[in-house]
Protein backbone atom coordinates (compact mmCIF):
# COMPACT_ATOMS: atom_id res chain seq x y z
CA MET A 1 9.32 22.17 65.94
CA LYS A 2 5.57 21.73 65.71
CA LYS A 3 4.29 18.29 66.78
CA ILE A 4 1.56 16.80 64.59
CA VAL A 5 -0.16 13.42 64.75
CA VAL A 6 -0.56 11.61 61.43
CA ALA A 7 -3.78 9.59 61.23
CA THR A 8 -2.10 6.32 60.34
CA ASN A 9 -0.29 3.30 61.71
CA ASN A 10 1.12 2.49 58.26
CA GLU A 11 4.91 2.86 58.60
CA GLY A 12 5.40 3.26 54.85
CA LYS A 13 2.90 6.09 54.67
CA LEU A 14 4.40 7.76 57.75
CA LYS A 15 7.89 7.56 56.26
CA GLU A 16 6.65 9.10 53.00
CA ILE A 17 4.95 11.95 54.88
CA ARG A 18 8.02 12.57 57.07
CA GLU A 19 10.24 12.88 53.99
CA ILE A 20 8.11 15.71 52.64
CA LEU A 21 7.14 17.50 55.87
CA LYS A 22 10.68 17.57 57.28
CA ASN A 23 10.18 20.69 59.39
CA TYR A 24 7.52 19.12 61.61
CA GLN A 25 7.68 16.48 64.34
CA LEU A 26 5.30 13.82 63.07
CA VAL A 27 4.01 11.00 65.27
CA SER A 28 1.77 8.07 64.40
CA LEU A 29 -1.40 7.02 66.24
CA LYS A 30 0.57 4.11 67.70
CA ASP A 31 3.27 6.49 69.00
CA ILE A 32 0.68 8.25 71.17
CA ASN A 33 -1.38 5.13 72.02
CA CYS A 34 -4.44 6.32 70.11
CA ASN A 35 -6.76 3.56 68.96
CA ILE A 36 -9.51 5.58 67.29
CA GLU A 37 -11.31 4.28 64.18
CA VAL A 38 -13.05 7.05 62.25
CA ASP A 39 -16.07 6.05 60.16
CA GLU A 40 -15.29 7.30 56.64
CA ASP A 41 -18.88 8.01 55.61
CA LYS A 42 -18.46 11.18 53.51
CA ASN A 43 -18.92 11.18 49.74
CA THR A 44 -15.60 12.86 48.86
CA PHE A 45 -11.96 12.16 49.67
CA GLU A 46 -11.74 15.66 51.14
CA GLY A 47 -14.80 15.10 53.33
CA ASN A 48 -13.37 11.85 54.74
CA ALA A 49 -9.90 13.35 55.32
CA LYS A 50 -11.37 16.42 57.06
CA LYS A 51 -13.57 14.27 59.29
CA LYS A 52 -10.66 11.97 60.22
CA ALA A 53 -8.28 14.87 60.93
CA LYS A 54 -10.80 16.75 63.09
CA GLU A 55 -11.98 13.74 65.14
CA ILE A 56 -8.46 12.54 65.88
CA SER A 57 -7.17 16.06 66.62
CA GLU A 58 -9.95 16.65 69.14
CA LYS A 59 -9.40 13.23 70.75
CA VAL A 60 -5.62 13.66 71.21
CA ASN A 61 -5.61 17.44 71.62
CA MET A 62 -2.99 18.19 68.98
CA PRO A 63 -2.95 19.11 65.27
CA CYS A 64 -3.56 16.21 62.89
CA ILE A 65 -2.83 15.26 59.29
CA ALA A 66 -5.16 12.74 57.65
CA ASP A 67 -5.63 11.53 54.10
CA ASP A 68 -8.08 9.64 51.96
CA SER A 69 -7.44 8.29 48.52
CA GLY A 70 -8.79 5.88 45.98
CA LEU A 71 -9.11 4.62 42.45
CA CYS A 72 -11.47 6.46 40.09
CA ILE A 73 -12.45 4.86 36.78
CA ASP A 74 -13.58 7.39 34.16
CA LYS A 75 -15.99 5.00 32.36
CA TYR A 76 -17.92 4.55 35.63
CA ASP A 77 -18.07 8.24 36.65
CA GLY A 78 -15.22 7.88 39.16
CA TRP A 79 -16.32 4.57 40.70
CA PRO A 80 -15.19 3.06 43.10
CA GLY A 81 -13.81 6.41 44.37
CA VAL A 82 -14.28 6.91 48.12
CA HIS A 83 -15.50 3.30 48.33
CA THR A 84 -12.27 1.83 46.85
CA ALA A 85 -11.39 -0.15 49.99
CA ARG A 86 -14.96 -1.17 50.82
CA PHE A 87 -17.06 -1.58 47.65
CA LEU A 88 -17.23 -5.37 48.11
CA GLY A 89 -17.77 -5.10 51.87
CA GLU A 90 -15.58 -4.38 54.86
CA ASN A 91 -13.92 -7.82 54.88
CA SER A 92 -13.07 -8.08 51.18
CA THR A 93 -9.42 -8.38 50.19
CA SER A 94 -7.47 -6.26 47.70
CA LYS A 95 -7.20 -9.36 45.50
CA GLN A 96 -11.00 -9.81 45.47
CA ARG A 97 -11.58 -6.13 44.66
CA ASN A 98 -8.98 -6.13 41.90
CA GLU A 99 -10.43 -9.31 40.36
CA TYR A 100 -13.90 -7.74 40.45
CA VAL A 101 -12.66 -4.60 38.64
CA LEU A 102 -10.80 -6.64 35.99
CA GLU A 103 -13.85 -8.85 35.38
CA LYS A 104 -16.16 -5.81 35.14
CA MET A 105 -13.83 -4.19 32.58
CA LYS A 106 -12.78 -7.30 30.62
CA ASN A 107 -14.50 -6.20 27.39
CA LEU A 108 -13.36 -2.56 27.52
CA GLU A 109 -10.61 -1.29 25.24
CA GLY A 110 -8.32 1.76 24.94
CA ASN A 111 -9.74 4.97 26.42
CA GLU A 112 -12.55 3.04 28.11
CA ARG A 113 -9.90 1.75 30.53
CA LYS A 114 -8.79 5.25 31.64
CA ALA A 115 -8.55 5.78 35.37
CA ARG A 116 -6.93 8.03 37.92
CA VAL A 117 -5.80 7.75 41.50
CA GLU A 118 -6.73 10.68 43.73
CA CYS A 119 -5.51 11.67 47.17
CA CYS A 120 -6.57 14.41 49.52
CA VAL A 121 -4.43 15.26 52.56
CA VAL A 122 -5.84 17.53 55.26
CA TYR A 123 -4.11 19.34 58.12
CA TYR A 124 -6.48 20.25 60.97
CA ASP A 125 -5.68 22.49 63.93
CA ASN A 126 -8.00 23.98 66.54
CA GLU A 127 -5.31 25.51 68.77
CA GLY A 128 -6.37 29.07 67.99
CA LYS A 129 -9.80 30.61 68.36
CA GLU A 130 -10.99 29.11 65.09
CA GLU A 131 -10.71 25.75 63.39
CA LYS A 132 -8.08 25.69 60.66
CA TYR A 133 -8.10 23.29 57.73
CA ILE A 134 -5.37 23.17 55.08
CA VAL A 135 -6.03 20.90 52.11
CA GLY A 136 -3.62 19.34 49.61
CA LYS A 137 -4.68 17.33 46.55
CA GLY A 138 -2.87 15.07 44.14
CA GLU A 139 -3.86 12.96 41.15
CA ILE A 140 -2.11 10.48 38.85
CA LYS A 141 -3.67 9.50 35.52
CA GLY A 142 -3.36 6.04 34.01
CA LYS A 143 -5.55 3.11 33.09
CA ILE A 144 -6.68 -0.25 34.37
CA ALA A 145 -4.27 -2.99 33.25
CA ARG A 146 -5.58 -6.16 31.60
CA ASN A 147 -4.02 -8.36 34.31
CA PRO A 148 -2.44 -7.80 37.73
CA ARG A 149 1.31 -7.14 37.48
CA GLY A 150 4.01 -6.49 40.06
CA THR A 151 4.60 -7.46 43.66
CA ASN A 152 5.24 -4.12 45.40
CA GLY A 153 2.65 -1.88 46.94
CA PHE A 154 -0.84 -2.69 48.13
CA GLY A 155 -4.50 -2.18 47.27
CA PHE A 156 -5.06 -1.60 43.55
CA ASP A 157 -1.34 -0.99 42.78
CA GLU A 158 -1.06 -4.17 40.69
CA ILE A 159 -3.91 -3.17 38.32
CA PHE A 160 -3.27 0.58 38.00
CA GLU A 161 -1.06 1.15 34.96
CA LEU A 162 0.87 4.39 34.64
CA GLU A 163 1.41 6.24 31.37
CA ASP A 164 4.88 4.62 31.07
CA GLY A 165 3.25 1.16 30.89
CA ARG A 166 4.25 -0.06 34.38
CA THR A 167 1.79 -0.67 37.19
CA PHE A 168 2.31 0.98 40.58
CA ALA A 169 3.19 -2.52 41.87
CA GLU A 170 6.05 -2.76 39.35
CA LEU A 171 7.74 0.32 40.83
CA SER A 172 10.10 0.26 43.78
CA ALA A 173 8.85 2.01 46.92
CA GLU A 174 11.32 4.83 46.21
CA GLU A 175 10.06 5.26 42.62
CA LYS A 176 6.44 5.25 43.73
CA ASN A 177 7.04 7.73 46.55
CA LYS A 178 8.61 10.20 44.08
CA ILE A 179 5.56 10.33 41.78
CA SER A 180 2.56 9.11 43.80
CA HIS A 181 -0.76 10.83 44.24
CA ARG A 182 0.03 11.08 47.98
CA LYS A 183 3.39 12.74 47.25
CA LEU A 184 1.63 15.31 45.01
CA ALA A 185 -1.05 15.94 47.66
CA LEU A 186 1.56 16.33 50.41
CA GLN A 187 3.57 18.74 48.25
CA ASP A 188 0.38 20.73 47.64
CA LEU A 189 -0.36 20.71 51.38
CA LEU A 190 3.19 21.87 52.19
CA ASN A 191 2.86 24.72 49.68
CA ASN A 192 -0.28 25.89 51.54
CA MET A 193 1.11 25.57 55.09
């Protein structure tokens, strides 16, 4: 069974990835005592995921899976996009970012509130003579809710409303993992492996 490091210390994310990539031995950064922080300075989710996967793979000398994802609001040409976690600065909280988005959009109605959540998952391997990247992508369409709702999840989950009217934060972890942008990206990755 091929051993692959997953560029995360998030147990929930690792569990989700393990459920989909069952035929691989997946380890977290913590499992292998790797403390690397990769600067996500690319302008696409794919660029950030590729950079993270390559840097960590070369540091630990094993194949790596990394992802990047974020909230993209149609009205603002995909903003905040790759800057979802940092658009108010490195030390801002999810609550502060969500409040900022809701305030910015308070006068928008209907289709002006359309948004999507994108994820790109990248597998990187340099064991052969050449570098090998495999990319998986996933996207969920929805809109920005009027107010935060729900207590599950993290990040923008409480303000991203799905087509069924619930926010990500109103879903159980099991429900979210079955339909999430990361699940779709991982499935896409698996289909390409």
